[in-house]
Amino acid sequence: MAGNTLRWPDGSTVSSVVVNSAGTYSATVIALNACSAISNNVTIGQDFSIPGGFSVSSVSVCATQQATLQASGCSGGLIQWPTCTTGSTFMTTASHTSVITATCTIGTCSTTASGSVVVGAVLPPPAAILSLTADETGCPVRLIGRATGASFVYTGPANVLPSGYVYSFVYRQSGTYDVVGENVLKSGVYTLTVSNTNACGTSQPVSRTVTVSRNCP
């Protein structure tokens, strides 16, 4: 074929071409004398082109929670994620907002798509008990506490019914509150337990005890 020109349907004149779509292909040879000849047809039965619509989902999570991203639109292909993970699903523990990119490969063709892991709220701060006393100047005795948190529960001795429960408070917003346990009639050790809660979870509870020395009629 020295001196002849090989022309493909896309107009290229190289010796070989790469195709991605199924179909019938041929090349035309143009000689120096302007004569031409068309090659035998070559039929490609498999479509290697990347279908449109390859995408990766985005998700919003709390810090340290597991985030799951889903890829779609790579039918018959291989989906690869960071750290060489493969498959349509990718899971990661989120510490900060990030963009995750996946690659869809079908045959010799590939394309990428990205999704976001958005880290919103964080776990609540630790609860704290600032003070706890028993006011025994009158009957019934009052338990007076000051604490930082969202949930406050007083419990007492087993003979305080039901099951030692005295009083509880739950606030929609975490903050520092005065929490008072009313109608304490029995002597014994009473406990204030405080925790913090938000959409991401609950902090480790903290507790403090106070002793009531008098019984009320």
N, C-alpha and C. Protein backbone atom coordinates (compact mmCIF):
# COMPACT_ATOMS: atom_id res chain seq x y z
N MET A 1 0.82 -1.21 0.00
CA MET A 1 0.00 0.00 0.00
C MET A 1 0.85 1.26 0.00
N ALA A 2 2.16 1.09 -0.38
CA ALA A 2 3.01 2.27 -0.38
C ALA A 2 2.48 3.30 -1.35
N GLY A 3 2.38 4.53 -0.88
CA GLY A 3 1.89 5.62 -1.71
C GLY A 3 0.39 5.72 -1.76
N ASN A 4 -0.33 4.72 -1.26
CA ASN A 4 -1.79 4.77 -1.24
C ASN A 4 -2.27 5.41 0.07
N THR A 5 -3.51 5.86 0.05
CA THR A 5 -4.09 6.49 1.24
C THR A 5 -5.23 5.63 1.76
N LEU A 6 -5.20 5.36 3.05
CA LEU A 6 -6.27 4.59 3.70
C LEU A 6 -7.18 5.58 4.43
N ARG A 7 -8.46 5.57 4.05
CA ARG A 7 -9.39 6.52 4.66
C ARG A 7 -10.54 5.76 5.34
N TRP A 8 -10.78 6.16 6.62
CA TRP A 8 -11.87 5.54 7.39
C TRP A 8 -13.13 6.41 7.33
N PRO A 9 -14.28 5.86 7.72
CA PRO A 9 -15.53 6.64 7.62
C PRO A 9 -15.49 7.96 8.38
N ASP A 10 -14.70 8.04 9.44
CA ASP A 10 -14.64 9.30 10.20
C ASP A 10 -13.68 10.30 9.57
N GLY A 11 -13.08 9.93 8.42
CA GLY A 11 -12.18 10.84 7.73
C GLY A 11 -10.72 10.68 8.08
N SER A 12 -10.43 9.89 9.10
CA SER A 12 -9.04 9.70 9.50
C SER A 12 -8.31 8.85 8.48
N THR A 13 -6.99 9.03 8.42
CA THR A 13 -6.18 8.31 7.42
C THR A 13 -5.07 7.51 8.08
N VAL A 14 -5.26 7.14 9.35
CA VAL A 14 -4.26 6.33 10.05
C VAL A 14 -4.45 4.87 9.68
N SER A 15 -3.51 4.05 10.10
CA SER A 15 -3.57 2.64 9.69
C SER A 15 -4.58 1.83 10.49
N SER A 16 -4.97 2.32 11.68
CA SER A 16 -5.97 1.60 12.48
C SER A 16 -6.76 2.60 13.31
N VAL A 17 -7.99 2.25 13.63
CA VAL A 17 -8.83 3.11 14.45
C VAL A 17 -9.45 2.29 15.58
N VAL A 18 -9.84 3.00 16.63
CA VAL A 18 -10.54 2.37 17.76
C VAL A 18 -11.99 2.80 17.70
N VAL A 19 -12.91 1.82 17.76
CA VAL A 19 -14.34 2.12 17.74
C VAL A 19 -14.96 1.66 19.05
N ASN A 20 -16.01 2.35 19.45
CA ASN A 20 -16.67 2.04 20.70
C ASN A 20 -18.07 1.48 20.52
N SER A 21 -18.68 1.76 19.38
CA SER A 21 -20.07 1.39 19.16
C SER A 21 -20.18 0.20 18.23
N ALA A 22 -21.20 -0.62 18.48
CA ALA A 22 -21.47 -1.73 17.58
C ALA A 22 -21.87 -1.21 16.20
N GLY A 23 -21.54 -1.96 15.16
CA GLY A 23 -21.89 -1.54 13.80
C GLY A 23 -21.02 -2.21 12.77
N THR A 24 -21.18 -1.80 11.52
CA THR A 24 -20.40 -2.35 10.41
C THR A 24 -19.43 -1.28 9.92
N TYR A 25 -18.17 -1.65 9.80
CA TYR A 25 -17.12 -0.68 9.45
C TYR A 25 -16.35 -1.16 8.22
N SER A 26 -15.87 -0.19 7.44
CA SER A 26 -15.02 -0.50 6.28
C SER A 26 -14.07 0.65 6.06
N ALA A 27 -13.03 0.42 5.29
CA ALA A 27 -12.06 1.47 4.95
C ALA A 27 -11.96 1.58 3.43
N THR A 28 -11.58 2.75 2.99
CA THR A 28 -11.41 2.99 1.56
C THR A 28 -9.94 3.24 1.26
N VAL A 29 -9.41 2.54 0.27
CA VAL A 29 -8.03 2.74 -0.16
C VAL A 29 -8.05 3.59 -1.42
N ILE A 30 -7.33 4.73 -1.38
CA ILE A 30 -7.25 5.62 -2.54
C ILE A 30 -5.82 5.55 -3.08
N ALA A 31 -5.73 5.10 -4.34
CA ALA A 31 -4.41 4.95 -4.95
C ALA A 31 -3.92 6.29 -5.48
N LEU A 32 -2.63 6.32 -5.88
CA LEU A 32 -2.04 7.55 -6.40
C LEU A 32 -2.72 7.99 -7.69
N ASN A 33 -3.27 7.04 -8.44
CA ASN A 33 -3.95 7.39 -9.69
C ASN A 33 -5.41 7.77 -9.47
N ALA A 34 -5.79 7.97 -8.19
CA ALA A 34 -7.14 8.42 -7.80
C ALA A 34 -8.16 7.31 -7.84
N CYS A 35 -7.73 6.11 -8.18
CA CYS A 35 -8.67 5.00 -8.09
C CYS A 35 -8.85 4.61 -6.64
N SER A 36 -10.00 4.08 -6.33
CA SER A 36 -10.27 3.71 -4.94
C SER A 36 -10.90 2.35 -4.86
N ALA A 37 -10.75 1.72 -3.72
CA ALA A 37 -11.36 0.42 -3.46
C ALA A 37 -11.81 0.38 -2.01
N ILE A 38 -12.93 -0.26 -1.78
CA ILE A 38 -13.48 -0.35 -0.42
C ILE A 38 -13.20 -1.72 0.14
N SER A 39 -12.74 -1.78 1.35
CA SER A 39 -12.38 -3.04 1.99
C SER A 39 -13.62 -3.85 2.32
N ASN A 40 -13.38 -5.09 2.71
CA ASN A 40 -14.47 -5.91 3.23
C ASN A 40 -15.03 -5.26 4.50
N ASN A 41 -16.31 -5.52 4.73
CA ASN A 41 -16.94 -4.99 5.95
C ASN A 41 -16.50 -5.78 7.19
N VAL A 42 -16.32 -5.04 8.28
CA VAL A 42 -16.04 -5.65 9.57
C VAL A 42 -17.19 -5.28 10.50
N THR A 43 -17.82 -6.29 11.06
CA THR A 43 -18.98 -6.04 11.93
C THR A 43 -18.58 -6.19 13.39
N ILE A 44 -18.86 -5.17 14.19
CA ILE A 44 -18.63 -5.21 15.64
C ILE A 44 -19.99 -5.41 16.31
N GLY A 45 -20.12 -6.52 17.03
CA GLY A 45 -21.41 -6.84 17.62
C GLY A 45 -21.64 -6.27 19.00
N GLN A 46 -20.56 -5.88 19.70
CA GLN A 46 -20.71 -5.38 21.07
C GLN A 46 -20.48 -3.89 21.12
N ASP A 47 -21.34 -3.20 21.87
CA ASP A 47 -21.23 -1.75 22.01
C ASP A 47 -20.37 -1.44 23.23
N PHE A 48 -19.21 -0.82 22.99
CA PHE A 48 -18.30 -0.49 24.08
C PHE A 48 -18.42 0.96 24.53
N SER A 49 -19.33 1.68 23.99
CA SER A 49 -19.47 3.09 24.39
C SER A 49 -20.07 3.18 25.78
N ILE A 50 -19.72 4.23 26.49
CA ILE A 50 -20.25 4.45 27.84
C ILE A 50 -21.64 5.06 27.71
N PRO A 51 -22.65 4.43 28.28
CA PRO A 51 -23.99 5.03 28.18
C PRO A 51 -24.06 6.34 28.95
N GLY A 52 -24.90 7.23 28.48
CA GLY A 52 -25.06 8.48 29.22
C GLY A 52 -25.76 8.25 30.53
N GLY A 53 -25.56 9.14 31.46
CA GLY A 53 -26.27 9.05 32.73
C GLY A 53 -25.51 8.36 33.83
N PHE A 54 -24.23 8.07 33.65
CA PHE A 54 -23.46 7.52 34.76
C PHE A 54 -23.37 8.59 35.85
N SER A 55 -23.76 8.23 37.07
CA SER A 55 -23.83 9.22 38.15
C SER A 55 -23.51 8.58 39.50
N VAL A 56 -23.17 9.43 40.45
CA VAL A 56 -22.89 9.01 41.83
C VAL A 56 -23.75 9.86 42.76
N SER A 57 -24.41 9.22 43.69
CA SER A 57 -25.28 9.94 44.62
C SER A 57 -24.46 10.74 45.62
N SER A 58 -25.12 11.70 46.28
CA SER A 58 -24.52 12.47 47.37
C SER A 58 -25.31 12.19 48.64
N VAL A 59 -24.67 12.40 49.79
CA VAL A 59 -25.32 12.10 51.06
C VAL A 59 -24.84 13.08 52.13
N SER A 60 -25.72 13.38 53.08
CA SER A 60 -25.36 14.21 54.23
C SER A 60 -25.39 13.35 55.48
N VAL A 61 -24.32 13.43 56.27
CA VAL A 61 -24.21 12.60 57.48
C VAL A 61 -23.62 13.44 58.61
N CYS A 62 -23.61 12.85 59.78
CA CYS A 62 -22.94 13.45 60.93
C CYS A 62 -21.47 13.01 60.93
N ALA A 63 -20.64 13.80 61.56
CA ALA A 63 -19.21 13.46 61.67
C ALA A 63 -19.06 12.11 62.34
N THR A 64 -18.12 11.31 61.82
CA THR A 64 -17.76 9.96 62.29
C THR A 64 -18.81 8.92 61.92
N GLN A 65 -19.91 9.30 61.29
CA GLN A 65 -20.88 8.31 60.85
C GLN A 65 -20.49 7.74 59.49
N GLN A 66 -21.01 6.55 59.18
CA GLN A 66 -20.71 5.92 57.90
C GLN A 66 -21.59 6.51 56.80
N ALA A 67 -20.96 6.85 55.70
CA ALA A 67 -21.68 7.38 54.54
C ALA A 67 -21.66 6.34 53.43
N THR A 68 -22.81 6.16 52.75
CA THR A 68 -22.92 5.20 51.66
C THR A 68 -23.30 5.94 50.38
N LEU A 69 -22.47 5.81 49.35
CA LEU A 69 -22.73 6.41 48.05
C LEU A 69 -23.08 5.31 47.05
N GLN A 70 -23.97 5.65 46.13
CA GLN A 70 -24.46 4.68 45.15
C GLN A 70 -24.17 5.19 43.74
N ALA A 71 -23.57 4.33 42.92
CA ALA A 71 -23.32 4.66 41.52
C ALA A 71 -24.34 3.96 40.64
N SER A 72 -24.76 4.62 39.57
CA SER A 72 -25.72 4.02 38.65
C SER A 72 -25.38 4.46 37.23
N GLY A 73 -25.90 3.70 36.26
CA GLY A 73 -25.68 4.06 34.86
C GLY A 73 -24.43 3.46 34.26
N CYS A 74 -23.95 2.34 34.81
CA CYS A 74 -22.75 1.68 34.26
C CYS A 74 -23.07 0.21 33.99
N SER A 75 -24.18 -0.03 33.31
CA SER A 75 -24.64 -1.40 33.06
C SER A 75 -23.62 -2.17 32.23
N GLY A 76 -23.20 -3.33 32.75
CA GLY A 76 -22.25 -4.17 32.05
C GLY A 76 -20.82 -3.76 32.21
N GLY A 77 -20.57 -2.70 32.96
CA GLY A 77 -19.21 -2.22 33.13
C GLY A 77 -18.67 -2.44 34.54
N LEU A 78 -17.47 -1.98 34.78
CA LEU A 78 -16.81 -2.08 36.07
C LEU A 78 -16.77 -0.69 36.70
N ILE A 79 -17.27 -0.59 37.92
CA ILE A 79 -17.23 0.67 38.67
C ILE A 79 -16.11 0.58 39.70
N GLN A 80 -15.22 1.55 39.66
CA GLN A 80 -14.08 1.56 40.59
C GLN A 80 -14.10 2.86 41.38
N TRP A 81 -13.88 2.71 42.71
CA TRP A 81 -13.88 3.84 43.64
C TRP A 81 -12.48 4.09 44.16
N PRO A 82 -12.29 5.14 44.95
CA PRO A 82 -10.99 5.32 45.61
C PRO A 82 -10.63 4.09 46.44
N THR A 83 -9.37 3.91 46.69
CA THR A 83 -8.83 2.76 47.42
C THR A 83 -9.09 1.45 46.68
N CYS A 84 -9.36 1.54 45.38
CA CYS A 84 -9.52 0.37 44.50
C CYS A 84 -10.75 -0.47 44.82
N THR A 85 -11.70 0.08 45.58
CA THR A 85 -12.96 -0.61 45.82
C THR A 85 -13.78 -0.66 44.54
N THR A 86 -14.42 -1.80 44.28
CA THR A 86 -15.25 -1.94 43.08
C THR A 86 -16.69 -2.26 43.47
N GLY A 87 -17.60 -2.03 42.55
CA GLY A 87 -19.02 -2.30 42.80
C GLY A 87 -19.83 -1.02 42.77
N SER A 88 -21.13 -1.16 42.83
CA SER A 88 -22.01 0.00 42.70
C SER A 88 -22.13 0.81 44.00
N THR A 89 -21.67 0.25 45.13
CA THR A 89 -21.82 0.92 46.42
C THR A 89 -20.45 1.18 47.03
N PHE A 90 -20.31 2.37 47.63
CA PHE A 90 -19.07 2.73 48.30
C PHE A 90 -19.40 3.26 49.68
N MET A 91 -18.72 2.75 50.69
CA MET A 91 -18.95 3.17 52.08
C MET A 91 -17.67 3.76 52.67
N THR A 92 -17.83 4.85 53.41
CA THR A 92 -16.69 5.50 54.03
C THR A 92 -17.13 6.15 55.33
N THR A 93 -16.22 6.26 56.27
CA THR A 93 -16.51 6.96 57.52
C THR A 93 -16.16 8.43 57.35
N ALA A 94 -17.14 9.29 57.54
CA ALA A 94 -16.98 10.70 57.22
C ALA A 94 -16.40 11.48 58.39
N SER A 95 -15.32 12.18 58.15
CA SER A 95 -14.77 13.09 59.15
C SER A 95 -14.86 14.54 58.70
N HIS A 96 -15.01 14.74 57.40
CA HIS A 96 -15.14 16.09 56.85
C HIS A 96 -15.86 16.00 55.50
N THR A 97 -16.35 17.12 55.03
CA THR A 97 -17.02 17.15 53.73
C THR A 97 -16.01 16.84 52.62
N SER A 98 -16.39 15.97 51.70
CA SER A 98 -15.46 15.56 50.66
C SER A 98 -16.22 15.18 49.39
N VAL A 99 -15.49 15.11 48.28
CA VAL A 99 -16.04 14.70 46.99
C VAL A 99 -15.43 13.34 46.64
N ILE A 100 -16.29 12.38 46.32
CA ILE A 100 -15.86 11.02 45.98
C ILE A 100 -16.11 10.79 44.49
N THR A 101 -15.08 10.34 43.79
CA THR A 101 -15.18 10.12 42.34
C THR A 101 -15.10 8.63 42.03
N ALA A 102 -16.01 8.18 41.16
CA ALA A 102 -16.01 6.79 40.70
C ALA A 102 -15.76 6.77 39.19
N THR A 103 -15.17 5.68 38.73
CA THR A 103 -14.89 5.49 37.31
C THR A 103 -15.68 4.30 36.78
N CYS A 104 -16.39 4.51 35.69
CA CYS A 104 -17.10 3.43 34.99
C CYS A 104 -16.28 3.04 33.75
N THR A 105 -15.93 1.77 33.67
CA THR A 105 -15.17 1.27 32.52
C THR A 105 -15.95 0.18 31.82
N ILE A 106 -16.17 0.37 30.52
CA ILE A 106 -16.82 -0.63 29.67
C ILE A 106 -15.90 -0.87 28.48
N GLY A 107 -15.36 -2.07 28.38
CA GLY A 107 -14.39 -2.35 27.33
C GLY A 107 -13.16 -1.49 27.52
N THR A 108 -12.81 -0.72 26.48
CA THR A 108 -11.65 0.16 26.57
C THR A 108 -12.04 1.60 26.89
N CYS A 109 -13.33 1.84 27.14
CA CYS A 109 -13.80 3.21 27.38
C CYS A 109 -14.10 3.41 28.86
N SER A 110 -13.92 4.60 29.32
CA SER A 110 -14.21 4.90 30.72
C SER A 110 -14.70 6.34 30.85
N THR A 111 -15.44 6.57 31.92
CA THR A 111 -15.90 7.91 32.26
C THR A 111 -16.00 8.00 33.77
N THR A 112 -16.07 9.20 34.29
CA THR A 112 -16.10 9.39 35.73
C THR A 112 -17.33 10.20 36.14
N ALA A 113 -17.71 10.05 37.39
CA ALA A 113 -18.77 10.85 38.00
C ALA A 113 -18.44 11.02 39.47
N SER A 114 -18.94 12.07 40.08
CA SER A 114 -18.59 12.38 41.46
C SER A 114 -19.84 12.65 42.29
N GLY A 115 -19.76 12.31 43.55
CA GLY A 115 -20.79 12.62 44.53
C GLY A 115 -20.14 13.22 45.77
N SER A 116 -20.95 13.88 46.57
CA SER A 116 -20.42 14.57 47.75
C SER A 116 -20.86 13.87 49.03
N VAL A 117 -19.94 13.82 49.98
CA VAL A 117 -20.26 13.44 51.36
C VAL A 117 -20.21 14.72 52.17
N VAL A 118 -21.37 15.20 52.58
CA VAL A 118 -21.47 16.46 53.31
C VAL A 118 -21.60 16.16 54.79
N VAL A 119 -20.63 16.61 55.57
CA VAL A 119 -20.67 16.41 57.02
C VAL A 119 -21.33 17.63 57.63
N GLY A 120 -22.49 17.42 58.23
CA GLY A 120 -23.24 18.52 58.83
C GLY A 120 -22.99 18.61 60.32
N ALA A 121 -23.99 18.23 61.10
CA ALA A 121 -23.88 18.33 62.55
C ALA A 121 -22.83 17.35 63.08
N VAL A 122 -22.35 17.61 64.27
CA VAL A 122 -21.38 16.76 64.93
C VAL A 122 -22.02 16.20 66.19
N LEU A 123 -21.39 15.20 66.77
CA LEU A 123 -21.89 14.64 68.02
C LEU A 123 -21.95 15.73 69.09
N PRO A 124 -22.91 15.65 69.99
CA PRO A 124 -23.05 16.71 71.00
C PRO A 124 -21.86 16.75 71.95
N PRO A 125 -21.56 17.91 72.53
CA PRO A 125 -20.45 18.00 73.49
C PRO A 125 -20.79 17.23 74.76
N PRO A 126 -19.79 16.90 75.57
CA PRO A 126 -20.06 16.18 76.82
C PRO A 126 -20.96 16.99 77.74
N ALA A 127 -21.81 16.28 78.47
CA ALA A 127 -22.64 16.92 79.50
C ALA A 127 -21.78 17.21 80.73
N ALA A 128 -22.28 18.10 81.59
CA ALA A 128 -21.53 18.46 82.81
C ALA A 128 -22.51 18.80 83.92
N ILE A 129 -22.19 18.38 85.13
CA ILE A 129 -22.96 18.74 86.32
C ILE A 129 -22.14 19.76 87.11
N LEU A 130 -22.68 20.96 87.25
CA LEU A 130 -21.95 22.04 87.90
C LEU A 130 -22.13 22.04 89.41
N SER A 131 -23.31 21.67 89.87
CA SER A 131 -23.55 21.61 91.32
C SER A 131 -24.75 20.73 91.60
N LEU A 132 -24.81 20.16 92.82
CA LEU A 132 -25.95 19.35 93.24
C LEU A 132 -26.01 19.36 94.77
N THR A 133 -27.12 19.84 95.30
CA THR A 133 -27.33 19.89 96.75
C THR A 133 -28.73 19.42 97.08
N ALA A 134 -28.94 19.13 98.39
CA ALA A 134 -30.27 18.77 98.89
C ALA A 134 -30.72 19.85 99.87
N ASP A 135 -31.86 20.44 99.62
CA ASP A 135 -32.42 21.45 100.51
C ASP A 135 -33.35 20.74 101.50
N GLU A 136 -32.87 20.56 102.74
CA GLU A 136 -33.61 19.83 103.76
C GLU A 136 -34.24 20.78 104.79
N THR A 137 -34.40 22.04 104.43
CA THR A 137 -34.98 23.00 105.37
C THR A 137 -36.47 22.78 105.56
N GLY A 138 -37.09 22.06 104.70
CA GLY A 138 -38.52 21.79 104.82
C GLY A 138 -38.85 20.44 104.25
N CYS A 139 -40.11 20.05 104.38
CA CYS A 139 -40.59 18.80 103.80
C CYS A 139 -41.67 19.14 102.76
N PRO A 140 -41.64 18.49 101.62
CA PRO A 140 -40.62 17.50 101.22
C PRO A 140 -39.27 18.15 100.88
N VAL A 141 -38.24 17.34 100.85
CA VAL A 141 -36.89 17.80 100.52
C VAL A 141 -36.83 18.11 99.02
N ARG A 142 -36.02 19.10 98.68
CA ARG A 142 -35.83 19.47 97.28
C ARG A 142 -34.38 19.19 96.87
N LEU A 143 -34.22 18.55 95.73
CA LEU A 143 -32.89 18.34 95.15
C LEU A 143 -32.65 19.46 94.15
N ILE A 144 -31.54 20.18 94.35
CA ILE A 144 -31.27 21.37 93.52
C ILE A 144 -29.97 21.15 92.75
N GLY A 145 -30.09 21.06 91.46
CA GLY A 145 -28.91 20.86 90.64
C GLY A 145 -28.79 21.92 89.56
N ARG A 146 -27.58 22.11 89.11
CA ARG A 146 -27.32 22.98 87.95
C ARG A 146 -26.37 22.21 87.04
N ALA A 147 -26.78 22.06 85.77
CA ALA A 147 -26.01 21.19 84.88
C ALA A 147 -26.17 21.65 83.44
N THR A 148 -25.25 21.19 82.61
CA THR A 148 -25.26 21.49 81.18
C THR A 148 -25.56 20.21 80.41
N GLY A 149 -26.62 20.26 79.62
CA GLY A 149 -27.01 19.10 78.83
C GLY A 149 -28.39 19.30 78.24
N ALA A 150 -29.03 18.18 77.85
CA ALA A 150 -30.38 18.24 77.31
C ALA A 150 -31.34 17.33 78.06
N SER A 151 -30.82 16.30 78.70
CA SER A 151 -31.65 15.36 79.44
C SER A 151 -31.13 15.27 80.88
N PHE A 152 -32.05 15.40 81.84
CA PHE A 152 -31.69 15.41 83.26
C PHE A 152 -32.63 14.46 84.00
N VAL A 153 -32.09 13.47 84.69
CA VAL A 153 -32.90 12.48 85.39
C VAL A 153 -32.40 12.32 86.82
N TYR A 154 -33.33 12.46 87.78
CA TYR A 154 -33.05 12.16 89.19
C TYR A 154 -33.55 10.75 89.50
N THR A 155 -32.72 9.97 90.17
CA THR A 155 -33.14 8.68 90.70
C THR A 155 -32.75 8.60 92.17
N GLY A 156 -33.47 7.75 92.91
CA GLY A 156 -33.25 7.65 94.34
C GLY A 156 -33.14 6.22 94.80
N PRO A 157 -33.26 5.97 96.10
CA PRO A 157 -33.17 4.61 96.64
C PRO A 157 -34.26 3.73 96.07
N ALA A 158 -34.06 2.41 96.22
CA ALA A 158 -35.01 1.45 95.66
C ALA A 158 -36.39 1.57 96.28
N ASN A 159 -36.46 2.10 97.52
CA ASN A 159 -37.77 2.20 98.16
C ASN A 159 -38.55 3.43 97.72
N VAL A 160 -37.95 4.21 96.82
CA VAL A 160 -38.67 5.33 96.21
C VAL A 160 -39.31 4.83 94.93
N LEU A 161 -40.60 4.83 94.88
CA LEU A 161 -41.30 4.25 93.75
C LEU A 161 -41.64 5.32 92.70
N PRO A 162 -41.72 4.93 91.40
CA PRO A 162 -41.45 3.57 90.91
C PRO A 162 -39.98 3.34 90.60
N SER A 163 -39.42 2.29 91.09
CA SER A 163 -38.04 1.82 90.80
C SER A 163 -36.99 2.90 91.02
N GLY A 164 -37.15 3.69 92.06
CA GLY A 164 -36.16 4.68 92.39
C GLY A 164 -36.25 5.95 91.59
N TYR A 165 -37.21 6.04 90.67
CA TYR A 165 -37.34 7.24 89.84
C TYR A 165 -37.91 8.40 90.65
N VAL A 166 -37.34 9.59 90.46
CA VAL A 166 -37.81 10.77 91.18
C VAL A 166 -38.38 11.81 90.22
N TYR A 167 -37.56 12.25 89.29
CA TYR A 167 -37.99 13.36 88.43
C TYR A 167 -37.08 13.42 87.22
N SER A 168 -37.60 13.93 86.10
CA SER A 168 -36.76 14.07 84.91
C SER A 168 -37.17 15.30 84.12
N PHE A 169 -36.21 15.82 83.36
CA PHE A 169 -36.43 16.99 82.50
C PHE A 169 -35.78 16.68 81.16
N VAL A 170 -36.43 17.02 80.07
CA VAL A 170 -35.84 16.91 78.74
C VAL A 170 -36.09 18.21 78.00
N TYR A 171 -35.01 18.82 77.52
CA TYR A 171 -35.11 20.09 76.81
C TYR A 171 -34.80 19.88 75.33
N ARG A 172 -35.46 20.65 74.50
CA ARG A 172 -35.24 20.54 73.05
C ARG A 172 -33.84 20.99 72.68
N GLN A 173 -33.33 21.99 73.39
CA GLN A 173 -31.99 22.52 73.09
C GLN A 173 -31.07 22.29 74.27
N SER A 174 -29.84 21.87 73.94
CA SER A 174 -28.85 21.71 74.99
C SER A 174 -28.49 23.07 75.59
N GLY A 175 -28.25 23.09 76.89
CA GLY A 175 -27.88 24.34 77.56
C GLY A 175 -27.61 24.08 79.03
N THR A 176 -27.37 25.16 79.75
CA THR A 176 -27.14 25.07 81.20
C THR A 176 -28.43 25.44 81.91
N TYR A 177 -28.95 24.52 82.73
CA TYR A 177 -30.25 24.69 83.36
C TYR A 177 -30.17 24.41 84.86
N ASP A 178 -31.09 25.03 85.61
CA ASP A 178 -31.34 24.65 86.99
C ASP A 178 -32.38 23.55 86.99
N VAL A 179 -32.06 22.41 87.57
CA VAL A 179 -32.97 21.26 87.58
C VAL A 179 -33.27 20.90 89.04
N VAL A 180 -34.56 20.89 89.38
CA VAL A 180 -34.98 20.69 90.76
C VAL A 180 -35.82 19.43 90.86
N GLY A 181 -35.43 18.53 91.77
CA GLY A 181 -36.21 17.33 92.06
C GLY A 181 -37.13 17.61 93.24
N GLU A 182 -38.42 17.59 93.01
CA GLU A 182 -39.41 17.93 94.04
C GLU A 182 -39.92 16.68 94.76
N ASN A 183 -40.56 16.94 95.92
CA ASN A 183 -41.31 15.90 96.63
C ASN A 183 -40.46 14.70 97.04
N VAL A 184 -39.25 14.96 97.52
CA VAL A 184 -38.40 13.89 98.03
C VAL A 184 -38.78 13.64 99.49
N LEU A 185 -39.26 12.45 99.81
CA LEU A 185 -39.78 12.14 101.14
C LEU A 185 -38.90 11.17 101.91
N LYS A 186 -38.03 10.43 101.23
CA LYS A 186 -37.25 9.39 101.87
C LYS A 186 -35.78 9.77 101.94
N SER A 187 -35.14 9.36 103.03
CA SER A 187 -33.69 9.54 103.13
C SER A 187 -32.98 8.56 102.21
N GLY A 188 -31.73 8.85 101.91
CA GLY A 188 -30.93 7.96 101.06
C GLY A 188 -30.08 8.74 100.08
N VAL A 189 -29.47 8.01 99.17
CA VAL A 189 -28.58 8.59 98.16
C VAL A 189 -29.36 8.79 96.86
N TYR A 190 -29.32 10.01 96.37
CA TYR A 190 -30.02 10.36 95.13
C TYR A 190 -28.99 10.72 94.06
N THR A 191 -29.30 10.40 92.83
CA THR A 191 -28.36 10.56 91.72
C THR A 191 -28.98 11.44 90.64
N LEU A 192 -28.20 12.41 90.16
CA LEU A 192 -28.57 13.20 88.99
C LEU A 192 -27.73 12.72 87.81
N THR A 193 -28.40 12.30 86.72
CA THR A 193 -27.71 11.84 85.52
C THR A 193 -28.06 12.78 84.37
N VAL A 194 -27.03 13.24 83.66
CA VAL A 194 -27.21 14.25 82.61
C VAL A 194 -26.54 13.74 81.33
N SER A 195 -27.21 13.97 80.19
CA SER A 195 -26.62 13.64 78.89
C SER A 195 -27.00 14.71 77.88
N ASN A 196 -26.28 14.72 76.78
CA ASN A 196 -26.54 15.66 75.68
C ASN A 196 -26.97 14.87 74.46
N THR A 197 -27.98 15.33 73.75
CA THR A 197 -28.49 14.62 72.58
C THR A 197 -28.76 15.61 71.45
N ASN A 198 -28.38 15.21 70.23
CA ASN A 198 -28.79 15.94 69.04
C ASN A 198 -29.05 14.94 67.93
N ALA A 199 -29.19 15.41 66.71
CA ALA A 199 -29.54 14.52 65.60
C ALA A 199 -28.47 13.48 65.32
N CYS A 200 -27.26 13.70 65.79
CA CYS A 200 -26.16 12.78 65.52
C CYS A 200 -25.96 11.73 66.60
N GLY A 201 -26.61 11.87 67.73
CA GLY A 201 -26.43 10.88 68.77
C GLY A 201 -26.51 11.47 70.17
N THR A 202 -26.06 10.68 71.13
CA THR A 202 -26.12 11.05 72.54
C THR A 202 -24.73 10.96 73.15
N SER A 203 -24.37 11.95 73.95
CA SER A 203 -23.07 11.94 74.60
C SER A 203 -23.06 10.94 75.75
N GLN A 204 -21.86 10.63 76.23
CA GLN A 204 -21.73 9.75 77.39
C GLN A 204 -22.36 10.43 78.60
N PRO A 205 -23.32 9.76 79.29
CA PRO A 205 -23.95 10.38 80.46
C PRO A 205 -22.96 10.61 81.59
N VAL A 206 -23.20 11.66 82.37
CA VAL A 206 -22.42 11.92 83.58
C VAL A 206 -23.38 11.93 84.76
N SER A 207 -22.88 11.53 85.93
CA SER A 207 -23.73 11.43 87.12
C SER A 207 -23.03 12.02 88.34
N ARG A 208 -23.87 12.48 89.29
CA ARG A 208 -23.36 12.93 90.60
C ARG A 208 -24.42 12.57 91.64
N THR A 209 -23.98 12.26 92.86
CA THR A 209 -24.90 11.87 93.92
C THR A 209 -24.94 12.91 95.03
N VAL A 210 -26.07 12.90 95.76
CA VAL A 210 -26.23 13.72 96.95
C VAL A 210 -27.01 12.89 97.97
N THR A 211 -26.69 13.07 99.25
CA THR A 211 -27.32 12.27 100.30
C THR A 211 -28.37 13.10 101.03
N VAL A 212 -29.58 12.53 101.14
CA VAL A 212 -30.66 13.13 101.93
C VAL A 212 -30.73 12.40 103.26
N SER A 213 -30.64 13.13 104.35
CA SER A 213 -30.55 12.50 105.67
C SER A 213 -31.88 12.42 106.40
N ARG A 214 -32.90 13.09 105.97
CA ARG A 214 -34.16 13.12 106.72
C ARG A 214 -35.27 12.44 105.95
N ASN A 215 -36.24 11.94 106.71
CA ASN A 215 -37.47 11.39 106.15
C ASN A 215 -38.60 12.36 106.41
N CYS A 216 -39.46 12.48 105.46
CA CYS A 216 -40.62 13.35 105.61
C CYS A 216 -41.88 12.50 105.75
N PRO A 217 -42.81 12.94 106.55
CA PRO A 217 -44.04 12.18 106.75
C PRO A 217 -44.88 12.15 105.47
